[in-house]
Amino acid sequence: MKKIAFFLGKGGVGKTTISSAVAYQFAKEGKRVLIVSLDPAHNLGDVFQKSLANTPRSLDANLEGMEIDLAVWVEKYLKESREEIKANYMYQSAFSVDAYIDILKYSPGTEEYAVLWAIEYVYKEYGGRCDLIIFDTPPTALTLRFLAMPSITRLWVRELSRLREKILQKRQTILRINPKASIVRNLSEETEDAQDEPKVRGAAKKEDDLIYTKLSSIASRLAELQRLFSHESYLAVVVNPDTLSVAEALRIRQELGKLDVRLNSICLNKTTEGGEGRQNVEKNFGDCPVFATGLRQGGIGEVSQLAEIQAGGLKNDMKRFGQE
């Protein structure tokens, strides 16, 4: 069984209920499970009738849960960005870093990066003590954006790294012309005797350059997240037997394909095994397995009722992927 599972789908199709049922049933089988809500409008705690926060809390034997506070992770991401700018860029004193960061808080992509780093943290911090981490995701738009972030950002980092290499090459040219050129001098180190020397600041070699090293570190970090999504995760889309839900699920599969991320299965919720919509869903998704999770009137009123949701086929498929 793969270490991570994501449950995706249109808002209201039952992602939280299905992901909770799978987590609960695996825990009853003796697996150590952590279920994590990434949805800004959390209701994971409502399912388990417990208040959840940014750190894991016990929900049942072998089962823990947490709800990611995106506001906290946005602030954390912005704080790290502020510190990196001040540490690596000498010219940051020429403009207000704090004002720039305040604007960045509302910029496109900030929330997606916050989700991305939260996933990375949960995996690294708690993966060692769990057999399975299940992520209950936000509605489709935000989920697809954070899944796309590693691929998109790696393109930017690659181009920035090439630009930095050109800068370092020019510095090396200056050193060949004048070996005494002051490549690494800070303003505070300048003396009257050095006034006539070229004031070229920063390293000339990639291995000595803080900015190039940082870009390489970011590239490695993003590559690992991309590998996590494409090779270490099981992705299931929850659908209802209605046209809009199925259409959105098809769009999810198409977008995941562009990211080289495989959709592993379809969870057909709010219908019976031979009920309405099954044939239409199977027709649309071809070789992707479809698992009907049953139709429960009145929803989930007690935590123990999660055991009654028909998730056996889905769980077996998740176990199978870990053995490939």
C-alpha atoms as a PDB file:
ATOM      1  CA  MET A   1       0.000   0.000   0.000  1.00  0.00           C
ATOM      2  CA  LYS A   2       1.260   3.446  -0.885  1.00  0.00           C
ATOM      3  CA  LYS A   3       2.049   5.794   1.990  1.00  0.00           C
ATOM      4  CA  ILE A   4      -0.226   8.622   0.830  1.00  0.00           C
ATOM      5  CA  ALA A   5      -3.776   8.817  -0.544  1.00  0.00           C
ATOM      6  CA  PHE A   6      -5.597  11.870  -1.899  1.00  0.00           C
ATOM      7  CA  PHE A   7      -9.367  12.037  -2.251  1.00  0.00           C
ATOM      8  CA  LEU A   8     -10.368  14.605  -4.875  1.00  0.00           C
ATOM      9  CA  GLY A   9     -13.635  15.762  -6.377  1.00  0.00           C
ATOM     10  CA  LYS A  10     -16.288  18.415  -6.729  1.00  0.00           C
ATOM     11  CA  GLY A  11     -17.510  20.132  -3.583  1.00  0.00           C
ATOM     12  CA  GLY A  12     -20.349  18.254  -1.911  1.00  0.00           C
ATOM     13  CA  VAL A  13     -19.793  14.825  -3.480  1.00  0.00           C
ATOM     14  CA  GLY A  14     -18.745  13.233  -0.170  1.00  0.00           C
ATOM     15  CA  LYS A  15     -14.925  13.412  -0.160  1.00  0.00           C
ATOM     16  CA  THR A  16     -14.757  13.863   3.603  1.00  0.00           C
ATOM     17  CA  THR A  17     -17.184  11.026   4.316  1.00  0.00           C
ATOM     18  CA  ILE A  18     -15.466   8.543   1.985  1.00  0.00           C
ATOM     19  CA  SER A  19     -11.925   9.457   3.057  1.00  0.00           C
ATOM     20  CA  SER A  20     -13.010   9.220   6.721  1.00  0.00           C
ATOM     21  CA  ALA A  21     -14.605   5.815   6.142  1.00  0.00           C
ATOM     22  CA  VAL A  22     -11.470   4.472   4.440  1.00  0.00           C
ATOM     23  CA  ALA A  23      -9.269   5.840   7.239  1.00  0.00           C
ATOM     24  CA  TYR A  24     -11.562   4.423   9.929  1.00  0.00           C
ATOM     25  CA  GLN A  25     -11.793   0.974   8.353  1.00  0.00           C
ATOM     26  CA  PHE A  26      -8.037   0.695   7.741  1.00  0.00           C
ATOM     27  CA  ALA A  27      -7.446   1.667  11.380  1.00  0.00           C
ATOM     28  CA  LYS A  28      -9.843  -1.072  12.500  1.00  0.00           C
ATOM     29  CA  GLU A  29      -7.696  -3.509  10.520  1.00  0.00           C
ATOM     30  CA  GLY A  30      -4.657  -2.445  12.537  1.00  0.00           C
ATOM     31  CA  LYS A  31      -3.110   0.086  10.157  1.00  0.00           C
ATOM     32  CA  ARG A  32      -1.768   3.275  11.721  1.00  0.00           C
ATOM     33  CA  VAL A  33      -3.607   6.029   9.876  1.00  0.00           C
ATOM     34  CA  LEU A  34      -3.446   9.816   9.879  1.00  0.00           C
ATOM     35  CA  ILE A  35      -6.267  11.656   8.079  1.00  0.00           C
ATOM     36  CA  VAL A  36      -5.645  15.295   7.189  1.00  0.00           C
ATOM     37  CA  SER A  37      -8.135  17.891   5.962  1.00  0.00           C
ATOM     38  CA  LEU A  38      -6.725  20.440   3.509  1.00  0.00           C
ATOM     39  CA  ASP A  39     -10.091  22.062   2.837  1.00  0.00           C
ATOM     40  CA  PRO A  40     -10.326  25.668   4.130  1.00  0.00           C
ATOM     41  CA  ALA A  41     -13.949  24.859   5.044  1.00  0.00           C
ATOM     42  CA  HIS A  42     -13.162  21.938   7.362  1.00  0.00           C
ATOM     43  CA  ASN A  43     -15.751  19.387   8.429  1.00  0.00           C
ATOM     44  CA  LEU A  44     -13.493  16.431   9.201  1.00  0.00           C
ATOM     45  CA  GLY A  45     -13.883  17.173  12.907  1.00  0.00           C
ATOM     46  CA  ASP A  46     -17.662  17.138  12.479  1.00  0.00           C
ATOM     47  CA  VAL A  47     -17.545  13.597  11.082  1.00  0.00           C
ATOM     48  CA  PHE A  48     -15.561  12.328  14.066  1.00  0.00           C
ATOM     49  CA  GLN A  49     -17.359  14.667  16.506  1.00  0.00           C
ATOM     50  CA  LYS A  50     -14.087  16.116  17.781  1.00  0.00           C
ATOM     51  CA  SER A  51     -12.379  19.484  17.565  1.00  0.00           C
ATOM     52  CA  LEU A  52      -9.289  19.240  15.362  1.00  0.00           C
ATOM     53  CA  ALA A  53      -6.345  21.591  14.867  1.00  0.00           C
ATOM     54  CA  ASN A  54      -2.988  21.965  13.105  1.00  0.00           C
ATOM     55  CA  THR A  55      -1.481  18.999  14.966  1.00  0.00           C
ATOM     56  CA  PRO A  56      -2.685  15.379  15.065  1.00  0.00           C
ATOM     57  CA  ARG A  57      -5.302  14.348  17.593  1.00  0.00           C
ATOM     58  CA  SER A  58      -6.427  10.825  18.413  1.00  0.00           C
ATOM     59  CA  LEU A  59      -9.771   9.928  16.834  1.00  0.00           C
ATOM     60  CA  ASP A  60      -9.879   6.204  17.525  1.00  0.00           C
ATOM     61  CA  ALA A  61      -7.514   3.285  18.012  1.00  0.00           C
ATOM     62  CA  ASN A  62      -4.724   3.566  15.387  1.00  0.00           C
ATOM     63  CA  LEU A  63      -6.380   6.670  13.922  1.00  0.00           C
ATOM     64  CA  GLU A  64      -5.362  10.326  14.216  1.00  0.00           C
ATOM     65  CA  GLY A  65      -6.707  13.403  12.480  1.00  0.00           C
ATOM     66  CA  MET A  66      -5.772  17.022  11.871  1.00  0.00           C
ATOM     67  CA  GLU A  67      -7.128  20.051  10.023  1.00  0.00           C
ATOM     68  CA  ILE A  68      -4.557  22.226   8.277  1.00  0.00           C
ATOM     69  CA  ASP A  69      -4.954  25.914   9.152  1.00  0.00           C
ATOM     70  CA  LEU A  70      -4.084  27.569   5.835  1.00  0.00           C
ATOM     71  CA  ALA A  71      -3.815  31.016   7.437  1.00  0.00           C
ATOM     72  CA  VAL A  72      -1.024  29.712   9.694  1.00  0.00           C
ATOM     73  CA  TRP A  73       0.782  28.115   6.748  1.00  0.00           C
ATOM     74  CA  VAL A  74       0.470  31.253   4.618  1.00  0.00           C
ATOM     75  CA  GLU A  75       2.105  33.268   7.419  1.00  0.00           C
ATOM     76  CA  LYS A  76       4.825  30.628   7.771  1.00  0.00           C
ATOM     77  CA  TYR A  77       5.525  30.691   4.023  1.00  0.00           C
ATOM     78  CA  LEU A  78       5.689  34.502   3.982  1.00  0.00           C
ATOM     79  CA  LYS A  79       7.961  34.586   7.031  1.00  0.00           C
ATOM     80  CA  GLU A  80      10.400  32.169   5.364  1.00  0.00           C
ATOM     81  CA  SER A  81      10.296  34.246   2.173  1.00  0.00           C
ATOM     82  CA  ARG A  82      11.051  37.442   4.094  1.00  0.00           C
ATOM     83  CA  GLU A  83      14.011  35.854   5.901  1.00  0.00           C
ATOM     84  CA  GLU A  84      15.453  34.418   2.680  1.00  0.00           C
ATOM     85  CA  ILE A  85      15.244  37.759   0.863  1.00  0.00           C
ATOM     86  CA  LYS A  86      17.005  39.562   3.703  1.00  0.00           C
ATOM     87  CA  ALA A  87      19.674  36.874   3.989  1.00  0.00           C
ATOM     88  CA  ASN A  88      20.496  36.464   0.293  1.00  0.00           C
ATOM     89  CA  TYR A  89      19.913  39.797  -1.433  1.00  0.00           C
ATOM     90  CA  MET A  90      22.088  42.764  -0.544  1.00  0.00           C
ATOM     91  CA  TYR A  91      19.925  45.202  -2.469  1.00  0.00           C
ATOM     92  CA  GLN A  92      16.839  44.370  -0.391  1.00  0.00           C
ATOM     93  CA  SER A  93      17.629  47.467   1.707  1.00  0.00           C
ATOM     94  CA  ALA A  94      16.725  49.602  -1.309  1.00  0.00           C
ATOM     95  CA  PHE A  95      13.045  48.709  -0.971  1.00  0.00           C
ATOM     96  CA  SER A  96      10.681  47.725   1.810  1.00  0.00           C
ATOM     97  CA  VAL A  97      10.745  43.951   2.100  1.00  0.00           C
ATOM     98  CA  ASP A  98       7.922  43.995   4.634  1.00  0.00           C
ATOM     99  CA  ALA A  99       5.658  45.995   2.305  1.00  0.00           C
ATOM    100  CA  TYR A 100       6.447  43.580  -0.528  1.00  0.00           C
ATOM    101  CA  ILE A 101       5.626  40.564   1.662  1.00  0.00           C
ATOM    102  CA  ASP A 102       2.357  42.175   2.799  1.00  0.00           C
ATOM    103  CA  ILE A 103       1.299  42.438  -0.844  1.00  0.00           C
ATOM    104  CA  LEU A 104       2.487  38.884  -1.548  1.00  0.00           C
ATOM    105  CA  LYS A 105       0.033  37.645   1.078  1.00  0.00           C
ATOM    106  CA  TYR A 106      -2.813  38.348  -1.354  1.00  0.00           C
ATOM    107  CA  SER A 107      -0.996  37.319  -4.527  1.00  0.00           C
ATOM    108  CA  PRO A 108      -2.072  34.389  -6.713  1.00  0.00           C
ATOM    109  CA  GLY A 109      -0.265  31.191  -5.782  1.00  0.00           C
ATOM    110  CA  THR A 110       0.443  32.040  -2.149  1.00  0.00           C
ATOM    111  CA  GLU A 111      -2.306  29.785  -0.797  1.00  0.00           C
ATOM    112  CA  GLU A 112      -1.283  26.974  -3.134  1.00  0.00           C
ATOM    113  CA  TYR A 113       2.328  27.108  -1.923  1.00  0.00           C
ATOM    114  CA  ALA A 114       1.101  27.099   1.661  1.00  0.00           C
ATOM    115  CA  VAL A 115      -0.860  23.888   0.983  1.00  0.00           C
ATOM    116  CA  LEU A 116       2.163  22.374  -0.760  1.00  0.00           C
ATOM    117  CA  TRP A 117       4.535  23.028   2.145  1.00  0.00           C
ATOM    118  CA  ALA A 118       1.910  21.780   4.608  1.00  0.00           C
ATOM    119  CA  ILE A 119       1.701  18.463   2.732  1.00  0.00           C
ATOM    120  CA  GLU A 120       5.498  18.215   2.702  1.00  0.00           C
ATOM    121  CA  TYR A 121       5.644  18.906   6.445  1.00  0.00           C
ATOM    122  CA  VAL A 122       2.959  16.350   7.310  1.00  0.00           C
ATOM    123  CA  TYR A 123       4.676  13.686   5.215  1.00  0.00           C
ATOM    124  CA  LYS A 124       8.122  14.289   6.709  1.00  0.00           C
ATOM    125  CA  GLU A 125       6.994  14.914  10.280  1.00  0.00           C
ATOM    126  CA  TYR A 126       4.416  12.135  10.688  1.00  0.00           C
ATOM    127  CA  GLY A 127       5.063   9.693   7.835  1.00  0.00           C
ATOM    128  CA  GLY A 128       7.475   7.641   9.911  1.00  0.00           C
ATOM    129  CA  ARG A 129       4.855   6.745  12.482  1.00  0.00           C
ATOM    130  CA  CYS A 130       2.001   6.013  10.037  1.00  0.00           C
ATOM    131  CA  ASP A 131       1.218   3.245   7.587  1.00  0.00           C
ATOM    132  CA  LEU A 132      -1.042   5.581   5.642  1.00  0.00           C
ATOM    133  CA  ILE A 133      -1.674   9.333   5.416  1.00  0.00           C
ATOM    134  CA  ILE A 134      -5.008  10.270   3.840  1.00  0.00           C
ATOM    135  CA  PHE A 135      -5.600  13.811   2.561  1.00  0.00           C
ATOM    136  CA  ASP A 136      -9.151  15.097   2.259  1.00  0.00           C
ATOM    137  CA  THR A 137      -8.644  17.788  -0.381  1.00  0.00           C
ATOM    138  CA  PRO A 138     -10.310  21.147  -1.128  1.00  0.00           C
ATOM    139  CA  PRO A 139     -12.667  21.486  -4.109  1.00  0.00           C
ATOM    140  CA  THR A 140     -11.176  20.847  -7.529  1.00  0.00           C
ATOM    141  CA  ALA A 141      -9.700  24.239  -8.496  1.00  0.00           C
ATOM    142  CA  LEU A 142      -7.411  24.663  -5.479  1.00  0.00           C
ATOM    143  CA  THR A 143      -6.430  20.984  -5.478  1.00  0.00           C
ATOM    144  CA  LEU A 144      -5.348  21.001  -9.128  1.00  0.00           C
ATOM    145  CA  ARG A 145      -3.369  24.204  -8.590  1.00  0.00           C
ATOM    146  CA  PHE A 146      -1.326  22.871  -5.680  1.00  0.00           C
ATOM    147  CA  LEU A 147      -0.744  19.553  -7.471  1.00  0.00           C
ATOM    148  CA  ALA A 148       0.559  21.531 -10.468  1.00  0.00           C
ATOM    149  CA  MET A 149       2.845  23.771  -8.406  1.00  0.00           C
ATOM    150  CA  PRO A 150       5.925  21.486  -8.370  1.00  0.00           C
ATOM    151  CA  SER A 151       5.955  21.117 -12.178  1.00  0.00           C
ATOM    152  CA  ILE A 152       5.264  24.783 -12.910  1.00  0.00           C
ATOM    153  CA  THR A 153       7.691  26.155 -10.351  1.00  0.00           C
ATOM    154  CA  ARG A 154      10.489  23.842 -11.480  1.00  0.00           C
ATOM    155  CA  LEU A 155      10.297  25.497 -14.914  1.00  0.00           C
ATOM    156  CA  TRP A 156      10.776  28.920 -13.326  1.00  0.00           C
ATOM    157  CA  VAL A 157      13.599  27.694 -11.095  1.00  0.00           C
ATOM    158  CA  ARG A 158      15.338  26.113 -14.087  1.00  0.00           C
ATOM    159  CA  GLU A 159      15.306  29.413 -15.994  1.00  0.00           C
ATOM    160  CA  LEU A 160      16.401  31.394 -12.939  1.00  0.00           C
ATOM    161  CA  SER A 161      19.289  28.970 -12.430  1.00  0.00           C
ATOM    162  CA  ARG A 162      20.411  29.464 -16.036  1.00  0.00           C
ATOM    163  CA  LEU A 163      20.264  33.238 -15.579  1.00  0.00           C
ATOM    164  CA  ARG A 164      22.312  32.950 -12.397  1.00  0.00           C
ATOM    165  CA  GLU A 165      24.901  30.842 -14.208  1.00  0.00           C
ATOM    166  CA  LYS A 166      25.323  33.627 -16.770  1.00  0.00           C
ATOM    167  CA  ILE A 167      25.862  36.146 -13.982  1.00  0.00           C
ATOM    168  CA  LEU A 168      28.509  33.923 -12.395  1.00  0.00           C
ATOM    169  CA  GLN A 169      30.226  33.436 -15.751  1.00  0.00           C
ATOM    170  CA  LYS A 170      30.509  37.211 -16.157  1.00  0.00           C
ATOM    171  CA  ARG A 171      32.002  37.470 -12.680  1.00  0.00           C
ATOM    172  CA  GLN A 172      34.571  34.834 -13.629  1.00  0.00           C
ATOM    173  CA  THR A 173      35.421  36.891 -16.729  1.00  0.00           C
ATOM    174  CA  ILE A 174      36.041  39.931 -14.508  1.00  0.00           C
ATOM    175  CA  LEU A 175      38.325  37.842 -12.283  1.00  0.00           C
ATOM    176  CA  ARG A 176      40.353  36.657 -15.268  1.00  0.00           C
ATOM    177  CA  ILE A 177      40.861  40.273 -16.321  1.00  0.00           C
ATOM    178  CA  ASN A 178      41.600  41.422 -12.788  1.00  0.00           C
ATOM    179  CA  PRO A 179      42.340  38.592 -10.311  1.00  0.00           C
ATOM    180  CA  LYS A 180      42.221  41.123  -7.474  1.00  0.00           C
ATOM    181  CA  ALA A 181      38.643  42.163  -8.229  1.00  0.00           C
ATOM    182  CA  SER A 182      36.638  42.311  -5.033  1.00  0.00           C
ATOM    183  CA  ILE A 183      34.143  39.534  -5.733  1.00  0.00           C
ATOM    184  CA  VAL A 184      32.919  38.837  -2.193  1.00  0.00           C
ATOM    185  CA  ARG A 185      33.375  42.193  -0.484  1.00  0.00           C
ATOM    186  CA  ASN A 186      30.557  43.586   1.641  1.00  0.00           C
ATOM    187  CA  LEU A 187      30.069  47.336   1.924  1.00  0.00           C
ATOM    188  CA  SER A 188      31.276  47.244   5.514  1.00  0.00           C
ATOM    189  CA  GLU A 189      34.581  45.663   4.399  1.00  0.00           C
ATOM    190  CA  GLU A 190      35.523  48.377   1.925  1.00  0.00           C
ATOM    191  CA  THR A 191      38.485  50.569   2.808  1.00  0.00           C
ATOM    192  CA  GLU A 192      40.014  53.661   1.294  1.00  0.00           C
ATOM    193  CA  ASP A 193      42.708  51.483  -0.319  1.00  0.00           C
ATOM    194  CA  ALA A 194      40.038  49.460  -2.110  1.00  0.00           C
ATOM    195  CA  GLN A 195      38.184  52.407  -3.608  1.00  0.00           C
ATOM    196  CA  ASP A 196      39.766  51.966  -7.033  1.00  0.00           C
ATOM    197  CA  GLU A 197      39.038  48.217  -7.222  1.00  0.00           C
ATOM    198  CA  PRO A 198      35.997  46.953  -9.148  1.00  0.00           C
ATOM    199  CA  LYS A 199      33.137  46.559  -6.669  1.00  0.00           C
ATOM    200  CA  VAL A 200      31.723  43.268  -7.983  1.00  0.00           C
ATOM    201  CA  ARG A 201      30.032  41.539  -5.041  1.00  0.00           C
ATOM    202  CA  GLY A 202      29.088  37.911  -4.650  1.00  0.00           C
ATOM    203  CA  ALA A 203      30.660  34.555  -5.431  1.00  0.00           C
ATOM    204  CA  ALA A 204      32.016  33.636  -8.849  1.00  0.00           C
ATOM    205  CA  LYS A 205      31.535  29.861  -8.613  1.00  0.00           C
ATOM    206  CA  LYS A 206      28.232  28.029  -8.424  1.00  0.00           C
ATOM    207  CA  GLU A 207      29.247  26.055  -5.369  1.00  0.00           C
ATOM    208  CA  ASP A 208      30.069  29.277  -3.496  1.00  0.00           C
ATOM    209  CA  ASP A 209      27.031  31.282  -4.574  1.00  0.00           C
ATOM    210  CA  LEU A 210      24.251  31.442  -1.977  1.00  0.00           C
ATOM    211  CA  ILE A 211      21.552  32.245  -4.507  1.00  0.00           C
ATOM    212  CA  TYR A 212      22.489  29.447  -6.924  1.00  0.00           C
ATOM    213  CA  THR A 213      22.705  27.027  -3.991  1.00  0.00           C
ATOM    214  CA  LYS A 214      19.257  28.115  -2.828  1.00  0.00           C
ATOM    215  CA  LEU A 215      17.790  27.640  -6.297  1.00  0.00           C
ATOM    216  CA  SER A 216      19.278  24.146  -6.452  1.00  0.00           C
ATOM    217  CA  SER A 217      17.778  23.373  -3.048  1.00  0.00           C
ATOM    218  CA  ILE A 218      14.338  24.568  -4.167  1.00  0.00           C
ATOM    219  CA  ALA A 219      14.595  22.492  -7.356  1.00  0.00           C
ATOM    220  CA  SER A 220      15.408  19.358  -5.339  1.00  0.00           C
ATOM    221  CA  ARG A 221      12.557  20.054  -2.937  1.00  0.00           C
ATOM    222  CA  LEU A 222      10.064  20.476  -5.775  1.00  0.00           C
ATOM    223  CA  ALA A 223      11.329  17.370  -7.574  1.00  0.00           C
ATOM    224  CA  GLU A 224      10.723  15.361  -4.410  1.00  0.00           C
ATOM    225  CA  LEU A 225       7.170  16.698  -4.113  1.00  0.00           C
ATOM    226  CA  GLN A 226       6.510  15.888  -7.768  1.00  0.00           C
ATOM    227  CA  ARG A 227       7.776  12.353  -7.170  1.00  0.00           C
ATOM    228  CA  LEU A 228       5.560  12.138  -4.094  1.00  0.00           C
ATOM    229  CA  PHE A 229       2.466  13.008  -6.127  1.00  0.00           C
ATOM    230  CA  SER A 230       3.291  10.919  -9.193  1.00  0.00           C
ATOM    231  CA  HIS A 231       4.854   7.787  -7.652  1.00  0.00           C
ATOM    232  CA  GLU A 232       4.136   7.605  -3.927  1.00  0.00           C
ATOM    233  CA  SER A 233       0.461   8.577  -3.818  1.00  0.00           C
ATOM    234  CA  TYR A 234      -2.855   6.896  -4.526  1.00  0.00           C
ATOM    235  CA  LEU A 235      -5.357   9.318  -6.074  1.00  0.00           C
ATOM    236  CA  ALA A 236      -9.092   8.675  -6.029  1.00  0.00           C
ATOM    237  CA  VAL A 237     -11.822  10.955  -7.321  1.00  0.00           C
ATOM    238  CA  VAL A 238     -15.188  10.892  -5.575  1.00  0.00           C
ATOM    239  CA  VAL A 239     -18.185  11.378  -7.904  1.00  0.00           C
ATOM    240  CA  ASN A 240     -21.959  11.318  -7.662  1.00  0.00           C
ATOM    241  CA  PRO A 241     -24.167   9.865 -10.415  1.00  0.00           C
ATOM    242  CA  ASP A 242     -24.966  13.263 -11.917  1.00  0.00           C
ATOM    243  CA  THR A 243     -23.726  14.976 -15.075  1.00  0.00           C
ATOM    244  CA  LEU A 244     -21.872  17.874 -13.402  1.00  0.00           C
ATOM    245  CA  SER A 245     -20.009  15.644 -10.964  1.00  0.00           C
ATOM    246  CA  VAL A 246     -18.899  13.241 -13.695  1.00  0.00           C
ATOM    247  CA  ALA A 247     -17.865  16.120 -15.981  1.00  0.00           C
ATOM    248  CA  GLU A 248     -15.663  17.589 -13.262  1.00  0.00           C
ATOM    249  CA  ALA A 249     -14.104  14.201 -12.553  1.00  0.00           C
ATOM    250  CA  LEU A 250     -13.235  13.883 -16.242  1.00  0.00           C
ATOM    251  CA  ARG A 251     -11.578  17.297 -16.119  1.00  0.00           C
ATOM    252  CA  ILE A 252      -9.583  16.238 -13.061  1.00  0.00           C
ATOM    253  CA  ARG A 253      -8.288  13.149 -14.865  1.00  0.00           C
ATOM    254  CA  GLN A 254      -7.348  15.222 -17.912  1.00  0.00           C
ATOM    255  CA  GLU A 255      -5.445  17.786 -15.833  1.00  0.00           C
ATOM    256  CA  LEU A 256      -3.674  15.112 -13.791  1.00  0.00           C
ATOM    257  CA  GLY A 257      -2.535  13.492 -17.020  1.00  0.00           C
ATOM    258  CA  LYS A 258      -0.851  16.730 -18.063  1.00  0.00           C
ATOM    259  CA  LEU A 259       1.070  16.628 -14.784  1.00  0.00           C
ATOM    260  CA  ASP A 260       2.092  12.963 -15.235  1.00  0.00           C
ATOM    261  CA  VAL A 261       0.082  12.124 -12.128  1.00  0.00           C
ATOM    262  CA  ARG A 262      -2.015   8.974 -12.369  1.00  0.00           C
ATOM    263  CA  LEU A 263      -5.667   8.804 -11.329  1.00  0.00           C
ATOM    264  CA  ASN A 264      -6.010   5.408  -9.674  1.00  0.00           C
ATOM    265  CA  SER A 265      -9.741   4.965  -9.114  1.00  0.00           C
ATOM    266  CA  ILE A 266     -13.229   6.449  -9.085  1.00  0.00           C
ATOM    267  CA  CYS A 267     -15.388   6.319  -5.959  1.00  0.00           C
ATOM    268  CA  LEU A 268     -19.047   6.411  -6.983  1.00  0.00           C
ATOM    269  CA  ASN A 269     -20.843   7.800  -3.941  1.00  0.00           C
ATOM    270  CA  LYS A 270     -24.540   8.159  -3.102  1.00  0.00           C
ATOM    271  CA  THR A 271     -25.636   5.193  -5.193  1.00  0.00           C
ATOM    272  CA  THR A 272     -25.812   1.424  -4.858  1.00  0.00           C
ATOM    273  CA  GLU A 273     -23.573  -1.133  -6.586  1.00  0.00           C
ATOM    274  CA  GLY A 274     -25.993  -1.623  -9.467  1.00  0.00           C
ATOM    275  CA  GLY A 275     -27.640   1.750  -9.110  1.00  0.00           C
ATOM    276  CA  GLU A 276     -28.191   4.720 -11.319  1.00  0.00           C
ATOM    277  CA  GLY A 277     -25.158   6.223 -13.029  1.00  0.00           C
ATOM    278  CA  ARG A 278     -22.769   3.287 -12.647  1.00  0.00           C
ATOM    279  CA  GLN A 279     -22.816   2.391 -16.330  1.00  0.00           C
ATOM    280  CA  ASN A 280     -22.314   6.026 -17.378  1.00  0.00           C
ATOM    281  CA  VAL A 281     -19.344   6.467 -15.041  1.00  0.00           C
ATOM    282  CA  GLU A 282     -17.681   3.246 -16.224  1.00  0.00           C
ATOM    283  CA  LYS A 283     -18.230   4.270 -19.846  1.00  0.00           C
ATOM    284  CA  ASN A 284     -16.573   7.642 -19.289  1.00  0.00           C
ATOM    285  CA  PHE A 285     -13.571   6.388 -17.339  1.00  0.00           C
ATOM    286  CA  GLY A 286     -12.655   3.328 -19.371  1.00  0.00           C
ATOM    287  CA  ASP A 287      -9.903   1.314 -17.693  1.00  0.00           C
ATOM    288  CA  CYS A 288     -10.023   3.273 -14.423  1.00  0.00           C
ATOM    289  CA  PRO A 289     -11.702   1.066 -11.769  1.00  0.00           C
ATOM    290  CA  VAL A 290     -14.999   2.300 -10.327  1.00  0.00           C
ATOM    291  CA  PHE A 291     -16.031   1.455  -6.760  1.00  0.00           C
ATOM    292  CA  ALA A 292     -19.558   2.148  -5.531  1.00  0.00           C
ATOM    293  CA  THR A 293     -19.563   3.081  -1.850  1.00  0.00           C
ATOM    294  CA  GLY A 294     -23.288   2.654  -1.242  1.00  0.00           C
ATOM    295  CA  LEU A 295     -26.206   4.914  -0.505  1.00  0.00           C
ATOM    296  CA  ARG A 296     -26.863   5.740   3.130  1.00  0.00           C
ATOM    297  CA  GLN A 297     -30.047   7.630   3.907  1.00  0.00           C
ATOM    298  CA  GLY A 298     -29.524  10.441   6.412  1.00  0.00           C
ATOM    299  CA  GLY A 299     -25.743  10.432   6.164  1.00  0.00           C
ATOM    300  CA  ILE A 300     -23.369   9.655   9.031  1.00  0.00           C
ATOM    301  CA  GLY A 301     -24.806  10.270  12.497  1.00  0.00           C
ATOM    302  CA  GLU A 302     -22.257   8.307  14.549  1.00  0.00           C
ATOM    303  CA  VAL A 303     -18.586   7.565  14.026  1.00  0.00           C
ATOM    304  CA  SER A 304     -19.236   3.808  14.157  1.00  0.00           C
ATOM    305  CA  GLN A 305     -21.419   4.123  11.039  1.00  0.00           C
ATOM    306  CA  LEU A 306     -18.261   4.765   8.986  1.00  0.00           C
ATOM    307  CA  ALA A 307     -17.728   0.988   9.156  1.00  0.00           C
ATOM    308  CA  GLU A 308     -20.948   0.486   7.191  1.00  0.00           C
ATOM    309  CA  ILE A 309     -19.788   2.362   4.095  1.00  0.00           C
ATOM    310  CA  GLN A 310     -18.903  -0.081   1.314  1.00  0.00           C
ATOM    311  CA  ALA A 311     -15.193   0.603   0.881  1.00  0.00           C
ATOM    312  CA  GLY A 312     -13.852  -2.944   0.618  1.00  0.00           C
ATOM    313  CA  GLY A 313     -13.129  -2.843  -3.110  1.00  0.00           C
ATOM    314  CA  LEU A 314     -11.445   0.540  -2.852  1.00  0.00           C
ATOM    315  CA  LYS A 315      -9.258  -0.579   0.056  1.00  0.00           C
ATOM    316  CA  ASN A 316      -8.194  -3.714  -1.794  1.00  0.00           C
ATOM    317  CA  ASP A 317      -7.209  -1.589  -4.783  1.00  0.00           C
ATOM    318  CA  MET A 318      -5.179   0.707  -2.534  1.00  0.00           C
ATOM    319  CA  LYS A 319      -3.374  -2.313  -1.057  1.00  0.00           C
ATOM    320  CA  ARG A 320      -2.678  -3.665  -4.538  1.00  0.00           C
ATOM    321  CA  PHE A 321      -0.921  -0.509  -5.667  1.00  0.00           C
ATOM    322  CA  GLY A 322       1.525  -0.785  -2.822  1.00  0.00           C
ATOM    323  CA  GLN A 323       2.569  -4.210  -4.051  1.00  0.00           C
ATOM    324  CA  GLU A 324       3.310  -3.234  -7.666  1.00  0.00           C
END
